[in-house]
Amino acid sequence: MNLFIFLSLLTFQTLAMDQIILDKHDPGDYSRREYAIEMLKLSLEKTIKRYGPYKITYSRRMTRNRALVELESGKISVYDAPTRQEWENRTIPIYIPLTKGLLSYRLLLITKANQFKFSNIKKIEDLQKLRAGLSSQWSTTKLLNSIGGFNIIEGNSYSTLFSMLAVDRFDYFIRGVNEIFGELDNIKNKFPEIIIDDKILLHIPMPMYFFVSKKFPLLAKRIEEGLLAAIDDGSFDRMFYKYHKENIIRAKLKNRTLFNIETPNISKNKKNTSSKFLLNLETLKAIK
């Protein structure tokens, strides 16, 4: 093969359109994941010059466990989720926390009728006496079960957890600061009895990453390069604050009692813990 043909093929392979397949989101879940999809698009836009155009298509709705199987087979390309060691082992994780650590700060959805149960909580053991509702497939659920001490009622799907809370199947539903206000806005007409507790802030360190199928290592490289470029030019932060600044302000973090929950061995990765990638609580409290 002469040099001209080799370079032509190399250019074609490098600039061929990336066909990126994502899972199709549940309609009630879309607003939660819209930010991650937009961040993915941002990373791909930043790398068009080097890697060429891209096209995003959608597969079908699936559980998180099913998504991992589909990633391994290459039937979907990328999935965003809080990290778990199993996912890091079976996919290519992009070790850049998509929410800058905001997902680690959790508030509680409760009902008006049960608000009195939370007014006198002074220590984490007081909270553990109450019933927490979480999905059976979530990383938070696996983590809290492994730590022990929490009384967890597991639901089969994200959407059913709201109705379970409304009928007192459990006392509180743990949600990220980046999630909870949009969710409450979406359900308030259907479940007017559900409110946000205004006193408790949980810190459960759990970064959210993009996980890429091992079938597409070049795509993983592209996404990482694009995210790093977005961090360097400030567009990552602009996207973050566009989606989350209002939620951070609404959370009134200064007025809450913080409970730290340790997460030993949640990830084998120890990189990307600097202020370039993560926001600490004092920084979050100062946002206006």
C-alpha atoms as a PDB file:
ATOM      1  CA  MET A   1       0.000   0.000   0.000  1.00  0.00           C
ATOM      2  CA  ASN A   2       1.529   3.326  -1.024  1.00  0.00           C
ATOM      3  CA  LEU A   3       1.705   6.284   1.333  1.00  0.00           C
ATOM      4  CA  PHE A   4      -1.093   8.223  -0.376  1.00  0.00           C
ATOM      5  CA  ILE A   5      -3.581   5.363  -0.046  1.00  0.00           C
ATOM      6  CA  PHE A   6      -2.559   4.740   3.563  1.00  0.00           C
ATOM      7  CA  LEU A   7      -3.053   8.388   4.528  1.00  0.00           C
ATOM      8  CA  SER A   8      -6.366   8.514   2.694  1.00  0.00           C
ATOM      9  CA  LEU A   9      -7.652   5.476   4.578  1.00  0.00           C
ATOM     10  CA  LEU A  10      -6.386   6.856   7.866  1.00  0.00           C
ATOM     11  CA  THR A  11      -8.180  10.151   7.243  1.00  0.00           C
ATOM     12  CA  PHE A  12     -11.389   8.333   6.307  1.00  0.00           C
ATOM     13  CA  GLN A  13     -11.263   6.159   9.432  1.00  0.00           C
ATOM     14  CA  THR A  14     -10.502   9.120  11.671  1.00  0.00           C
ATOM     15  CA  LEU A  15     -13.231  11.333  10.260  1.00  0.00           C
ATOM     16  CA  ALA A  16     -15.919   8.703   9.664  1.00  0.00           C
ATOM     17  CA  MET A  17     -19.178   9.606  11.374  1.00  0.00           C
ATOM     18  CA  ASP A  18     -19.444   8.272  14.915  1.00  0.00           C
ATOM     19  CA  GLN A  19     -22.777   6.472  15.316  1.00  0.00           C
ATOM     20  CA  ILE A  20     -23.588   6.826  19.003  1.00  0.00           C
ATOM     21  CA  ILE A  21     -26.455   4.796  20.435  1.00  0.00           C
ATOM     22  CA  LEU A  22     -28.018   5.750  23.759  1.00  0.00           C
ATOM     23  CA  ASP A  23     -30.805   4.116  25.708  1.00  0.00           C
ATOM     24  CA  LYS A  24     -34.244   5.671  25.289  1.00  0.00           C
ATOM     25  CA  HIS A  25     -35.244   7.420  28.478  1.00  0.00           C
ATOM     26  CA  ASP A  26     -38.487   7.029  30.334  1.00  0.00           C
ATOM     27  CA  PRO A  27     -40.491  10.254  29.755  1.00  0.00           C
ATOM     28  CA  GLY A  28     -40.582  10.923  33.496  1.00  0.00           C
ATOM     29  CA  ASP A  29     -36.831  10.435  33.690  1.00  0.00           C
ATOM     30  CA  TYR A  30     -35.779  12.577  30.753  1.00  0.00           C
ATOM     31  CA  SER A  31     -35.386  15.907  32.527  1.00  0.00           C
ATOM     32  CA  ARG A  32     -32.995  14.236  34.964  1.00  0.00           C
ATOM     33  CA  ARG A  33     -30.734  13.016  32.187  1.00  0.00           C
ATOM     34  CA  GLU A  34     -31.042  15.891  29.763  1.00  0.00           C
ATOM     35  CA  TYR A  35     -27.975  17.516  31.312  1.00  0.00           C
ATOM     36  CA  ALA A  36     -25.814  14.443  30.705  1.00  0.00           C
ATOM     37  CA  ILE A  37     -26.977  14.209  27.085  1.00  0.00           C
ATOM     38  CA  GLU A  38     -26.143  17.878  26.531  1.00  0.00           C
ATOM     39  CA  MET A  39     -22.732  17.382  28.142  1.00  0.00           C
ATOM     40  CA  LEU A  40     -22.111  14.422  25.838  1.00  0.00           C
ATOM     41  CA  LYS A  41     -23.017  16.554  22.817  1.00  0.00           C
ATOM     42  CA  LEU A  42     -20.695  19.281  24.069  1.00  0.00           C
ATOM     43  CA  SER A  43     -17.774  16.840  24.248  1.00  0.00           C
ATOM     44  CA  LEU A  44     -18.517  15.589  20.736  1.00  0.00           C
ATOM     45  CA  GLU A  45     -18.796  19.102  19.317  1.00  0.00           C
ATOM     46  CA  LYS A  46     -15.415  19.995  20.817  1.00  0.00           C
ATOM     47  CA  THR A  47     -13.770  17.123  18.928  1.00  0.00           C
ATOM     48  CA  ILE A  48     -15.371  17.326  15.473  1.00  0.00           C
ATOM     49  CA  LYS A  49     -12.241  18.771  13.909  1.00  0.00           C
ATOM     50  CA  ARG A  50     -10.138  15.807  15.011  1.00  0.00           C
ATOM     51  CA  TYR A  51     -12.650  12.947  14.977  1.00  0.00           C
ATOM     52  CA  GLY A  52     -15.276  14.056  12.483  1.00  0.00           C
ATOM     53  CA  PRO A  53     -19.089  14.335  12.653  1.00  0.00           C
ATOM     54  CA  TYR A  54     -21.358  12.263  14.851  1.00  0.00           C
ATOM     55  CA  LYS A  55     -24.942  11.074  15.004  1.00  0.00           C
ATOM     56  CA  ILE A  56     -26.858  10.163  18.158  1.00  0.00           C
ATOM     57  CA  THR A  57     -29.671   7.640  17.952  1.00  0.00           C
ATOM     58  CA  TYR A  58     -31.729   5.960  20.650  1.00  0.00           C
ATOM     59  CA  SER A  59     -32.320   2.295  21.371  1.00  0.00           C
ATOM     60  CA  ARG A  60     -35.095   1.377  23.819  1.00  0.00           C
ATOM     61  CA  ARG A  61     -35.978   1.910  27.437  1.00  0.00           C
ATOM     62  CA  MET A  62     -34.095  -0.352  29.795  1.00  0.00           C
ATOM     63  CA  THR A  63     -33.206  -0.827  33.434  1.00  0.00           C
ATOM     64  CA  ARG A  64     -29.766   0.140  34.646  1.00  0.00           C
ATOM     65  CA  ASN A  65     -28.718  -3.501  34.943  1.00  0.00           C
ATOM     66  CA  ARG A  66     -29.848  -4.125  31.379  1.00  0.00           C
ATOM     67  CA  ALA A  67     -27.963  -1.061  30.204  1.00  0.00           C
ATOM     68  CA  LEU A  68     -24.715  -2.564  31.478  1.00  0.00           C
ATOM     69  CA  VAL A  69     -25.348  -5.748  29.475  1.00  0.00           C
ATOM     70  CA  GLU A  70     -26.152  -3.681  26.378  1.00  0.00           C
ATOM     71  CA  LEU A  71     -22.965  -1.661  26.854  1.00  0.00           C
ATOM     72  CA  GLU A  72     -20.896  -4.823  27.004  1.00  0.00           C
ATOM     73  CA  SER A  73     -22.423  -6.120  23.790  1.00  0.00           C
ATOM     74  CA  GLY A  74     -22.052  -2.770  22.036  1.00  0.00           C
ATOM     75  CA  LYS A  75     -25.797  -2.408  21.447  1.00  0.00           C
ATOM     76  CA  ILE A  76     -25.590   0.949  23.183  1.00  0.00           C
ATOM     77  CA  SER A  77     -22.466   3.094  23.145  1.00  0.00           C
ATOM     78  CA  VAL A  78     -22.552   5.342  26.202  1.00  0.00           C
ATOM     79  CA  TYR A  79     -24.433   5.503  29.502  1.00  0.00           C
ATOM     80  CA  ASP A  80     -24.236   8.050  32.305  1.00  0.00           C
ATOM     81  CA  ALA A  81     -24.562   6.817  35.875  1.00  0.00           C
ATOM     82  CA  PRO A  82     -23.183   7.149  39.402  1.00  0.00           C
ATOM     83  CA  THR A  83     -20.119   4.963  39.531  1.00  0.00           C
ATOM     84  CA  ARG A  84     -19.964   1.412  40.760  1.00  0.00           C
ATOM     85  CA  GLN A  85     -16.929  -0.879  40.720  1.00  0.00           C
ATOM     86  CA  GLU A  86     -18.709  -3.410  38.521  1.00  0.00           C
ATOM     87  CA  TRP A  87     -19.367  -0.759  35.882  1.00  0.00           C
ATOM     88  CA  GLU A  88     -15.762   0.428  35.984  1.00  0.00           C
ATOM     89  CA  ASN A  89     -14.580  -3.145  35.421  1.00  0.00           C
ATOM     90  CA  ARG A  90     -16.927  -3.996  32.564  1.00  0.00           C
ATOM     91  CA  THR A  91     -16.856  -0.741  30.564  1.00  0.00           C
ATOM     92  CA  ILE A  92     -14.507   2.123  29.788  1.00  0.00           C
ATOM     93  CA  PRO A  93     -15.243   4.755  32.463  1.00  0.00           C
ATOM     94  CA  ILE A  94     -14.493   8.397  31.711  1.00  0.00           C
ATOM     95  CA  TYR A  95     -13.176   9.595  35.068  1.00  0.00           C
ATOM     96  CA  ILE A  96     -14.520  13.136  34.867  1.00  0.00           C
ATOM     97  CA  PRO A  97     -17.380  13.777  37.344  1.00  0.00           C
ATOM     98  CA  LEU A  98     -20.197  15.141  35.206  1.00  0.00           C
ATOM     99  CA  THR A  99     -21.962  17.035  37.995  1.00  0.00           C
ATOM    100  CA  LYS A 100     -18.763  18.316  39.657  1.00  0.00           C
ATOM    101  CA  GLY A 101     -19.686  16.359  42.782  1.00  0.00           C
ATOM    102  CA  LEU A 102     -23.158  17.913  43.130  1.00  0.00           C
ATOM    103  CA  LEU A 103     -24.866  14.515  42.963  1.00  0.00           C
ATOM    104  CA  SER A 104     -23.036  13.625  46.182  1.00  0.00           C
ATOM    105  CA  TYR A 105     -25.139  16.194  48.057  1.00  0.00           C
ATOM    106  CA  ARG A 106     -28.582  14.727  48.716  1.00  0.00           C
ATOM    107  CA  LEU A 107     -31.893  16.094  49.952  1.00  0.00           C
ATOM    108  CA  LEU A 108     -34.989  14.182  50.983  1.00  0.00           C
ATOM    109  CA  LEU A 109     -38.426  13.985  49.436  1.00  0.00           C
ATOM    110  CA  ILE A 110     -40.964  13.385  52.197  1.00  0.00           C
ATOM    111  CA  THR A 111     -44.720  13.826  52.699  1.00  0.00           C
ATOM    112  CA  LYS A 112     -46.396  16.637  54.588  1.00  0.00           C
ATOM    113  CA  ALA A 113     -47.945  14.101  56.953  1.00  0.00           C
ATOM    114  CA  ASN A 114     -44.511  12.758  57.920  1.00  0.00           C
ATOM    115  CA  GLN A 115     -42.717  16.074  58.246  1.00  0.00           C
ATOM    116  CA  PHE A 116     -42.771  15.853  62.058  1.00  0.00           C
ATOM    117  CA  LYS A 117     -40.530  12.765  61.877  1.00  0.00           C
ATOM    118  CA  PHE A 118     -37.649  14.841  60.502  1.00  0.00           C
ATOM    119  CA  SER A 119     -37.849  17.936  62.691  1.00  0.00           C
ATOM    120  CA  ASN A 120     -35.813  16.486  65.578  1.00  0.00           C
ATOM    121  CA  ILE A 121     -33.204  14.418  63.747  1.00  0.00           C
ATOM    122  CA  LYS A 122     -29.850  15.179  65.380  1.00  0.00           C
ATOM    123  CA  LYS A 123     -27.634  12.349  64.146  1.00  0.00           C
ATOM    124  CA  ILE A 124     -27.489   9.858  61.310  1.00  0.00           C
ATOM    125  CA  GLU A 125     -28.737   7.078  63.580  1.00  0.00           C
ATOM    126  CA  ASP A 126     -32.015   8.994  63.977  1.00  0.00           C
ATOM    127  CA  LEU A 127     -32.481   8.992  60.210  1.00  0.00           C
ATOM    128  CA  GLN A 128     -31.591   5.316  59.949  1.00  0.00           C
ATOM    129  CA  LYS A 129     -34.586   4.449  62.135  1.00  0.00           C
ATOM    130  CA  LEU A 130     -36.860   5.706  59.346  1.00  0.00           C
ATOM    131  CA  ARG A 131     -37.564   3.949  56.044  1.00  0.00           C
ATOM    132  CA  ALA A 132     -35.685   5.059  52.917  1.00  0.00           C
ATOM    133  CA  GLY A 133     -37.059   4.385  49.443  1.00  0.00           C
ATOM    134  CA  LEU A 134     -34.660   3.663  46.575  1.00  0.00           C
ATOM    135  CA  SER A 135     -34.568   1.714  43.337  1.00  0.00           C
ATOM    136  CA  SER A 136     -33.196  -1.820  43.626  1.00  0.00           C
ATOM    137  CA  GLN A 137     -30.692  -1.192  40.803  1.00  0.00           C
ATOM    138  CA  TRP A 138     -29.181   2.116  41.895  1.00  0.00           C
ATOM    139  CA  SER A 139     -25.602   2.579  43.055  1.00  0.00           C
ATOM    140  CA  THR A 140     -26.815   4.459  46.139  1.00  0.00           C
ATOM    141  CA  THR A 141     -28.943   1.469  47.136  1.00  0.00           C
ATOM    142  CA  LYS A 142     -26.038  -0.956  46.742  1.00  0.00           C
ATOM    143  CA  LEU A 143     -23.805   1.348  48.721  1.00  0.00           C
ATOM    144  CA  LEU A 144     -26.151   1.938  51.657  1.00  0.00           C
ATOM    145  CA  ASN A 145     -26.945  -1.772  51.845  1.00  0.00           C
ATOM    146  CA  SER A 146     -23.218  -2.539  51.991  1.00  0.00           C
ATOM    147  CA  ILE A 147     -22.641   0.027  54.752  1.00  0.00           C
ATOM    148  CA  GLY A 148     -25.562  -1.310  56.789  1.00  0.00           C
ATOM    149  CA  GLY A 149     -27.800   0.430  59.284  1.00  0.00           C
ATOM    150  CA  PHE A 150     -30.265   1.883  56.794  1.00  0.00           C
ATOM    151  CA  ASN A 151     -33.816   0.595  56.546  1.00  0.00           C
ATOM    152  CA  ILE A 152     -34.264   0.519  52.769  1.00  0.00           C
ATOM    153  CA  ILE A 153     -37.487  -0.244  50.926  1.00  0.00           C
ATOM    154  CA  GLU A 154     -36.639  -1.070  47.320  1.00  0.00           C
ATOM    155  CA  GLY A 155     -38.788  -0.207  44.327  1.00  0.00           C
ATOM    156  CA  ASN A 156     -38.592  -1.765  40.891  1.00  0.00           C
ATOM    157  CA  SER A 157     -38.606   1.467  38.908  1.00  0.00           C
ATOM    158  CA  TYR A 158     -37.857   5.160  39.254  1.00  0.00           C
ATOM    159  CA  SER A 159     -41.415   6.306  38.505  1.00  0.00           C
ATOM    160  CA  THR A 160     -43.125   4.011  41.021  1.00  0.00           C
ATOM    161  CA  LEU A 161     -41.039   5.341  43.912  1.00  0.00           C
ATOM    162  CA  PHE A 162     -43.018   8.581  43.965  1.00  0.00           C
ATOM    163  CA  SER A 163     -46.342   6.772  44.323  1.00  0.00           C
ATOM    164  CA  MET A 164     -44.828   4.499  46.982  1.00  0.00           C
ATOM    165  CA  LEU A 165     -43.753   7.559  48.971  1.00  0.00           C
ATOM    166  CA  ALA A 166     -47.167   9.161  48.567  1.00  0.00           C
ATOM    167  CA  VAL A 167     -48.941   6.121  50.092  1.00  0.00           C
ATOM    168  CA  ASP A 168     -46.453   5.838  52.974  1.00  0.00           C
ATOM    169  CA  ARG A 169     -44.592   2.726  51.843  1.00  0.00           C
ATOM    170  CA  PHE A 170     -41.490   4.499  53.136  1.00  0.00           C
ATOM    171  CA  ASP A 171     -40.636   7.786  54.883  1.00  0.00           C
ATOM    172  CA  TYR A 172     -38.119   9.496  52.609  1.00  0.00           C
ATOM    173  CA  PHE A 173     -36.707   9.331  49.097  1.00  0.00           C
ATOM    174  CA  ILE A 174     -33.038  10.355  48.729  1.00  0.00           C
ATOM    175  CA  ARG A 175     -32.393  12.629  45.732  1.00  0.00           C
ATOM    176  CA  GLY A 176     -29.475  14.715  44.495  1.00  0.00           C
ATOM    177  CA  VAL A 177     -29.570  18.512  44.690  1.00  0.00           C
ATOM    178  CA  ASN A 178     -29.304  18.418  40.898  1.00  0.00           C
ATOM    179  CA  GLU A 179     -32.407  16.209  40.601  1.00  0.00           C
ATOM    180  CA  ILE A 180     -34.897  16.955  43.320  1.00  0.00           C
ATOM    181  CA  PHE A 181     -36.392  20.311  42.324  1.00  0.00           C
ATOM    182  CA  GLY A 182     -37.119  19.341  38.741  1.00  0.00           C
ATOM    183  CA  GLU A 183     -38.673  16.117  39.975  1.00  0.00           C
ATOM    184  CA  LEU A 184     -40.875  17.905  42.489  1.00  0.00           C
ATOM    185  CA  ASP A 185     -42.023  20.330  39.811  1.00  0.00           C
ATOM    186  CA  ASN A 186     -42.917  17.390  37.560  1.00  0.00           C
ATOM    187  CA  ILE A 187     -44.960  15.500  40.165  1.00  0.00           C
ATOM    188  CA  LYS A 188     -46.517  18.225  42.303  1.00  0.00           C
ATOM    189  CA  ASN A 189     -49.888  18.103  40.540  1.00  0.00           C
ATOM    190  CA  LYS A 190     -50.134  14.314  40.771  1.00  0.00           C
ATOM    191  CA  PHE A 191     -48.667  14.043  44.280  1.00  0.00           C
ATOM    192  CA  PRO A 192     -49.321  17.370  46.074  1.00  0.00           C
ATOM    193  CA  GLU A 193     -48.605  15.719  49.425  1.00  0.00           C
ATOM    194  CA  ILE A 194     -44.903  15.247  48.533  1.00  0.00           C
ATOM    195  CA  ILE A 195     -42.544  18.022  49.651  1.00  0.00           C
ATOM    196  CA  ILE A 196     -38.802  18.552  50.193  1.00  0.00           C
ATOM    197  CA  ASP A 197     -37.479  18.326  53.747  1.00  0.00           C
ATOM    198  CA  ASP A 198     -35.843  21.664  54.586  1.00  0.00           C
ATOM    199  CA  LYS A 199     -33.416  20.602  57.323  1.00  0.00           C
ATOM    200  CA  ILE A 200     -31.247  17.651  56.242  1.00  0.00           C
ATOM    201  CA  LEU A 201     -28.323  17.477  53.809  1.00  0.00           C
ATOM    202  CA  LEU A 202     -26.640  14.140  53.200  1.00  0.00           C
ATOM    203  CA  HIS A 203     -23.170  13.906  51.712  1.00  0.00           C
ATOM    204  CA  ILE A 204     -22.705  10.555  49.991  1.00  0.00           C
ATOM    205  CA  PRO A 205     -19.577  10.793  47.797  1.00  0.00           C
ATOM    206  CA  MET A 206     -20.554   9.260  44.467  1.00  0.00           C
ATOM    207  CA  PRO A 207     -19.242  10.725  41.194  1.00  0.00           C
ATOM    208  CA  MET A 208     -21.300  10.339  38.043  1.00  0.00           C
ATOM    209  CA  TYR A 209     -19.351   9.332  34.940  1.00  0.00           C
ATOM    210  CA  PHE A 210     -19.883   8.443  31.319  1.00  0.00           C
ATOM    211  CA  PHE A 211     -19.380   4.710  30.781  1.00  0.00           C
ATOM    212  CA  VAL A 212     -18.467   3.690  27.230  1.00  0.00           C
ATOM    213  CA  SER A 213     -18.714   0.252  25.704  1.00  0.00           C
ATOM    214  CA  LYS A 214     -15.367  -1.495  25.363  1.00  0.00           C
ATOM    215  CA  LYS A 215     -16.379  -2.071  21.746  1.00  0.00           C
ATOM    216  CA  PHE A 216     -15.722   1.642  21.098  1.00  0.00           C
ATOM    217  CA  PRO A 217     -12.387   2.655  22.663  1.00  0.00           C
ATOM    218  CA  LEU A 218     -11.866   5.497  20.170  1.00  0.00           C
ATOM    219  CA  LEU A 219     -15.216   6.986  21.172  1.00  0.00           C
ATOM    220  CA  ALA A 220     -14.166   6.848  24.838  1.00  0.00           C
ATOM    221  CA  LYS A 221     -10.973   8.710  23.954  1.00  0.00           C
ATOM    222  CA  ARG A 222     -12.971  11.278  22.011  1.00  0.00           C
ATOM    223  CA  ILE A 223     -15.433  11.935  24.840  1.00  0.00           C
ATOM    224  CA  GLU A 224     -12.646  12.338  27.399  1.00  0.00           C
ATOM    225  CA  GLU A 225     -10.727  14.746  25.168  1.00  0.00           C
ATOM    226  CA  GLY A 226     -13.899  16.731  24.525  1.00  0.00           C
ATOM    227  CA  LEU A 227     -14.768  17.021  28.211  1.00  0.00           C
ATOM    228  CA  LEU A 228     -11.237  18.131  29.089  1.00  0.00           C
ATOM    229  CA  ALA A 229     -11.356  20.730  26.299  1.00  0.00           C
ATOM    230  CA  ALA A 230     -14.703  21.972  27.643  1.00  0.00           C
ATOM    231  CA  ILE A 231     -13.238  22.254  31.135  1.00  0.00           C
ATOM    232  CA  ASP A 232     -10.251  24.190  29.846  1.00  0.00           C
ATOM    233  CA  ASP A 233     -12.282  26.701  27.824  1.00  0.00           C
ATOM    234  CA  GLY A 234     -14.976  27.157  30.478  1.00  0.00           C
ATOM    235  CA  SER A 235     -17.881  25.708  28.503  1.00  0.00           C
ATOM    236  CA  PHE A 236     -18.166  22.739  30.910  1.00  0.00           C
ATOM    237  CA  ASP A 237     -18.774  25.124  33.806  1.00  0.00           C
ATOM    238  CA  ARG A 238     -21.183  27.228  31.762  1.00  0.00           C
ATOM    239  CA  MET A 239     -23.233  24.118  30.982  1.00  0.00           C
ATOM    240  CA  PHE A 240     -23.108  23.029  34.622  1.00  0.00           C
ATOM    241  CA  TYR A 241     -24.352  26.343  35.976  1.00  0.00           C
ATOM    242  CA  LYS A 242     -26.987  26.680  33.249  1.00  0.00           C
ATOM    243  CA  TYR A 243     -28.619  23.484  34.500  1.00  0.00           C
ATOM    244  CA  HIS A 244     -27.804  23.545  38.204  1.00  0.00           C
ATOM    245  CA  LYS A 245     -27.250  27.046  39.585  1.00  0.00           C
ATOM    246  CA  GLU A 246     -30.938  27.617  40.339  1.00  0.00           C
ATOM    247  CA  ASN A 247     -31.176  24.224  42.077  1.00  0.00           C
ATOM    248  CA  ILE A 248     -28.152  24.977  44.254  1.00  0.00           C
ATOM    249  CA  ILE A 249     -29.694  28.286  45.324  1.00  0.00           C
ATOM    250  CA  ARG A 250     -33.093  26.681  45.979  1.00  0.00           C
ATOM    251  CA  ALA A 251     -31.456  24.048  48.192  1.00  0.00           C
ATOM    252  CA  LYS A 252     -30.533  26.709  50.821  1.00  0.00           C
ATOM    253  CA  LEU A 253     -27.510  24.673  51.840  1.00  0.00           C
ATOM    254  CA  LYS A 254     -26.471  27.135  54.568  1.00  0.00           C
ATOM    255  CA  ASN A 255     -29.619  26.332  56.518  1.00  0.00           C
ATOM    256  CA  ARG A 256     -29.214  22.564  56.575  1.00  0.00           C
ATOM    257  CA  THR A 257     -27.633  20.070  58.970  1.00  0.00           C
ATOM    258  CA  LEU A 258     -24.967  18.043  57.184  1.00  0.00           C
ATOM    259  CA  PHE A 259     -24.583  14.296  57.686  1.00  0.00           C
ATOM    260  CA  ASN A 260     -21.551  12.693  56.060  1.00  0.00           C
ATOM    261  CA  ILE A 261     -21.870   9.091  54.921  1.00  0.00           C
ATOM    262  CA  GLU A 262     -18.546   7.463  54.104  1.00  0.00           C
ATOM    263  CA  THR A 263     -18.292   5.513  50.844  1.00  0.00           C
ATOM    264  CA  PRO A 264     -15.248   3.247  51.158  1.00  0.00           C
ATOM    265  CA  ASN A 265     -13.980   1.554  48.002  1.00  0.00           C
ATOM    266  CA  ILE A 266     -16.692   2.996  45.797  1.00  0.00           C
ATOM    267  CA  SER A 267     -14.206   3.432  42.946  1.00  0.00           C
ATOM    268  CA  LYS A 268     -10.718   2.250  42.160  1.00  0.00           C
ATOM    269  CA  ASN A 269     -10.033   5.638  40.611  1.00  0.00           C
ATOM    270  CA  LYS A 270      -8.546   8.384  42.759  1.00  0.00           C
ATOM    271  CA  LYS A 271      -7.998  10.992  40.047  1.00  0.00           C
ATOM    272  CA  ASN A 272      -9.947  14.137  39.250  1.00  0.00           C
ATOM    273  CA  THR A 273     -10.606  15.173  42.841  1.00  0.00           C
ATOM    274  CA  SER A 274      -9.190  18.700  42.538  1.00  0.00           C
ATOM    275  CA  SER A 275     -11.296  21.859  42.546  1.00  0.00           C
ATOM    276  CA  LYS A 276     -10.958  21.827  38.754  1.00  0.00           C
ATOM    277  CA  PHE A 277     -13.349  18.883  38.719  1.00  0.00           C
ATOM    278  CA  LEU A 278     -15.245  19.044  42.034  1.00  0.00           C
ATOM    279  CA  LEU A 279     -17.050  21.733  44.008  1.00  0.00           C
ATOM    280  CA  ASN A 280     -16.815  21.605  47.787  1.00  0.00           C
ATOM    281  CA  LEU A 281     -19.691  22.473  50.088  1.00  0.00           C
ATOM    282  CA  GLU A 282     -18.383  25.914  50.992  1.00  0.00           C
ATOM    283  CA  THR A 283     -18.208  26.838  47.311  1.00  0.00           C
ATOM    284  CA  LEU A 284     -21.749  25.555  46.778  1.00  0.00           C
ATOM    285  CA  LYS A 285     -23.015  27.564  49.763  1.00  0.00           C
ATOM    286  CA  ALA A 286     -21.507  30.753  48.316  1.00  0.00           C
ATOM    287  CA  ILE A 287     -23.282  30.484  44.964  1.00  0.00           C
ATOM    288  CA  LYS A 288     -25.823  33.290  44.466  1.00  0.00           C
END
